Amino acid sequence: MGNKLFVGSLSYSTTNSQLEEHFSSVGKVVSAKVIIDKYSGQGKGFSFVETGSDEDAKKAIEKLNGSILNERSIIVNEARPQVDRGFNDRGNFGKKRW
């Protein structure tokens, strides 16, 4: 098991510091990053949290999955590696458009 966690079903107003405070109750938090929409500046409803150890990550999943943060029941899982979706350097799928 890795020490990077996916956190879903967040309130759009959740901040990095609120997330870090919530997760520090069960172990060491190395980083807590709410994913932000680049156009609106609002949270997208999910984040990634990196814990100090695999044991802290396991404890966070057990204790915080389904817990309440900003009046929302959050989902906490082990983060999966990002999948290459086949997009080229211009953000298009497949062939390049000129």
C-alpha atoms as a PDB file:
ATOM      1  CA  MET A   1       0.000   0.000   0.000  1.00  0.00           C
ATOM      2  CA  GLY A   2       1.190   3.503  -0.815  1.00  0.00           C
ATOM      3  CA  ASN A   3       0.937   6.565   1.364  1.00  0.00           C
ATOM      4  CA  LYS A   4      -0.920   8.730  -1.187  1.00  0.00           C
ATOM      5  CA  LEU A   5      -4.686   8.923  -0.739  1.00  0.00           C
ATOM      6  CA  PHE A   6      -7.556  10.017  -2.958  1.00  0.00           C
ATOM      7  CA  VAL A   7     -10.266  11.991  -1.146  1.00  0.00           C
ATOM      8  CA  GLY A   8     -13.588  12.406  -2.935  1.00  0.00           C
ATOM      9  CA  SER A   9     -17.022  13.899  -2.381  1.00  0.00           C
ATOM     10  CA  LEU A  10     -15.568  17.086  -0.916  1.00  0.00           C
ATOM     11  CA  SER A  11     -17.455  20.330  -0.594  1.00  0.00           C
ATOM     12  CA  TYR A  12     -16.328  22.750  -3.316  1.00  0.00           C
ATOM     13  CA  SER A  13     -15.363  25.233  -0.595  1.00  0.00           C
ATOM     14  CA  THR A  14     -12.919  22.872   1.205  1.00  0.00           C
ATOM     15  CA  THR A  15      -9.410  24.322   1.559  1.00  0.00           C
ATOM     16  CA  ASN A  16      -6.000  22.654   1.797  1.00  0.00           C
ATOM     17  CA  SER A  17      -5.657  23.686   5.450  1.00  0.00           C
ATOM     18  CA  GLN A  18      -9.072  22.244   6.401  1.00  0.00           C
ATOM     19  CA  LEU A  19      -8.141  18.990   4.693  1.00  0.00           C
ATOM     20  CA  GLU A  20      -4.744  18.853   6.390  1.00  0.00           C
ATOM     21  CA  GLU A  21      -6.299  19.523   9.798  1.00  0.00           C
ATOM     22  CA  HIS A  22      -8.908  16.779   9.288  1.00  0.00           C
ATOM     23  CA  PHE A  23      -6.301  14.172   8.306  1.00  0.00           C
ATOM     24  CA  SER A  24      -3.715  15.160  10.946  1.00  0.00           C
ATOM     25  CA  SER A  25      -6.106  13.808  13.585  1.00  0.00           C
ATOM     26  CA  VAL A  26      -5.090  10.245  12.588  1.00  0.00           C
ATOM     27  CA  GLY A  27      -1.424  10.668  11.613  1.00  0.00           C
ATOM     28  CA  LYS A  28       1.283  12.736   9.966  1.00  0.00           C
ATOM     29  CA  VAL A  29       0.283  14.642   6.814  1.00  0.00           C
ATOM     30  CA  VAL A  30       3.067  15.422   4.343  1.00  0.00           C
ATOM     31  CA  SER A  31       0.810  17.287   1.895  1.00  0.00           C
ATOM     32  CA  ALA A  32      -2.880  17.960   1.324  1.00  0.00           C
ATOM     33  CA  LYS A  33      -3.870  19.347  -2.082  1.00  0.00           C
ATOM     34  CA  VAL A  34      -7.436  20.188  -3.104  1.00  0.00           C
ATOM     35  CA  ILE A  35      -7.747  20.062  -6.897  1.00  0.00           C
ATOM     36  CA  ILE A  36      -8.897  23.461  -8.192  1.00  0.00           C
ATOM     37  CA  ASP A  37     -10.662  24.296 -11.468  1.00  0.00           C
ATOM     38  CA  LYS A  38      -8.323  26.606 -13.387  1.00  0.00           C
ATOM     39  CA  TYR A  39     -11.159  28.705 -14.817  1.00  0.00           C
ATOM     40  CA  SER A  40     -13.440  29.243 -11.822  1.00  0.00           C
ATOM     41  CA  GLY A  41     -10.857  28.914  -9.035  1.00  0.00           C
ATOM     42  CA  GLN A  42     -13.308  26.675  -7.185  1.00  0.00           C
ATOM     43  CA  GLY A  43     -12.500  23.212  -5.832  1.00  0.00           C
ATOM     44  CA  LYS A  44     -13.443  20.278  -8.062  1.00  0.00           C
ATOM     45  CA  GLY A  45     -14.688  18.134  -5.169  1.00  0.00           C
ATOM     46  CA  PHE A  46     -11.652  15.886  -4.788  1.00  0.00           C
ATOM     47  CA  SER A  47      -8.117  16.012  -3.494  1.00  0.00           C
ATOM     48  CA  PHE A  48      -4.959  14.057  -2.781  1.00  0.00           C
ATOM     49  CA  VAL A  49      -3.392  13.647   0.659  1.00  0.00           C
ATOM     50  CA  GLU A  50       0.090  12.249   1.244  1.00  0.00           C
ATOM     51  CA  THR A  51       0.671  10.731   4.673  1.00  0.00           C
ATOM     52  CA  GLY A  52       3.901  10.168   6.573  1.00  0.00           C
ATOM     53  CA  SER A  53       3.791   6.355   6.291  1.00  0.00           C
ATOM     54  CA  ASP A  54       1.806   3.441   4.919  1.00  0.00           C
ATOM     55  CA  GLU A  55       0.504   2.809   8.437  1.00  0.00           C
ATOM     56  CA  ASP A  56      -0.848   6.381   8.667  1.00  0.00           C
ATOM     57  CA  ALA A  57      -2.508   5.937   5.254  1.00  0.00           C
ATOM     58  CA  LYS A  58      -4.177   2.703   6.331  1.00  0.00           C
ATOM     59  CA  LYS A  59      -5.374   4.344   9.559  1.00  0.00           C
ATOM     60  CA  ALA A  60      -6.754   7.334   7.623  1.00  0.00           C
ATOM     61  CA  ILE A  61      -8.736   5.071   5.286  1.00  0.00           C
ATOM     62  CA  GLU A  62     -10.178   3.088   8.194  1.00  0.00           C
ATOM     63  CA  LYS A  63     -11.090   6.083  10.350  1.00  0.00           C
ATOM     64  CA  LEU A  64     -11.870   8.879   7.882  1.00  0.00           C
ATOM     65  CA  ASN A  65     -13.681   7.102   5.030  1.00  0.00           C
ATOM     66  CA  GLY A  66     -17.288   8.196   5.511  1.00  0.00           C
ATOM     67  CA  SER A  67     -16.384  10.918   8.010  1.00  0.00           C
ATOM     68  CA  ILE A  68     -17.927  14.381   7.791  1.00  0.00           C
ATOM     69  CA  LEU A  69     -15.915  17.368   6.525  1.00  0.00           C
ATOM     70  CA  ASN A  70     -17.708  20.672   5.771  1.00  0.00           C
ATOM     71  CA  GLU A  71     -21.104  18.976   6.114  1.00  0.00           C
ATOM     72  CA  ARG A  72     -20.228  16.292   3.505  1.00  0.00           C
ATOM     73  CA  SER A  73     -19.499  12.603   3.954  1.00  0.00           C
ATOM     74  CA  ILE A  74     -16.088  12.110   2.310  1.00  0.00           C
ATOM     75  CA  ILE A  75     -14.621   9.094   0.525  1.00  0.00           C
ATOM     76  CA  VAL A  76     -11.025   8.097   1.302  1.00  0.00           C
ATOM     77  CA  ASN A  77      -9.203   5.486  -0.813  1.00  0.00           C
ATOM     78  CA  GLU A  78      -5.672   4.641  -1.813  1.00  0.00           C
ATOM     79  CA  ALA A  79      -4.742   6.770  -4.848  1.00  0.00           C
ATOM     80  CA  ARG A  80      -4.233   4.879  -8.085  1.00  0.00           C
ATOM     81  CA  PRO A  81      -1.521   5.798 -10.620  1.00  0.00           C
ATOM     82  CA  GLN A  82      -2.546   8.246 -13.319  1.00  0.00           C
ATOM     83  CA  VAL A  83      -3.456   6.487 -16.571  1.00  0.00           C
ATOM     84  CA  ASP A  84      -2.111   7.690 -19.918  1.00  0.00           C
ATOM     85  CA  ARG A  85      -5.220   8.459 -21.954  1.00  0.00           C
ATOM     86  CA  GLY A  86      -3.412   8.807 -25.271  1.00  0.00           C
ATOM     87  CA  PHE A  87      -3.617  12.580 -25.579  1.00  0.00           C
ATOM     88  CA  ASN A  88      -0.906  14.279 -27.570  1.00  0.00           C
ATOM     89  CA  ASP A  89       1.013  17.399 -26.523  1.00  0.00           C
ATOM     90  CA  ARG A  90      -1.813  19.684 -27.745  1.00  0.00           C
ATOM     91  CA  GLY A  91      -4.452  18.015 -25.563  1.00  0.00           C
ATOM     92  CA  ASN A  92      -6.081  16.240 -28.505  1.00  0.00           C
ATOM     93  CA  PHE A  93      -6.722  12.548 -28.682  1.00  0.00           C
ATOM     94  CA  GLY A  94      -4.942  10.853 -31.566  1.00  0.00           C
ATOM     95  CA  LYS A  95      -3.736  12.881 -34.544  1.00  0.00           C
ATOM     96  CA  LYS A  96      -2.538  16.468 -34.353  1.00  0.00           C
ATOM     97  CA  ARG A  97      -4.707  19.257 -35.677  1.00  0.00           C
ATOM     98  CA  TRP A  98      -2.893  22.116 -37.371  1.00  0.00           C
END
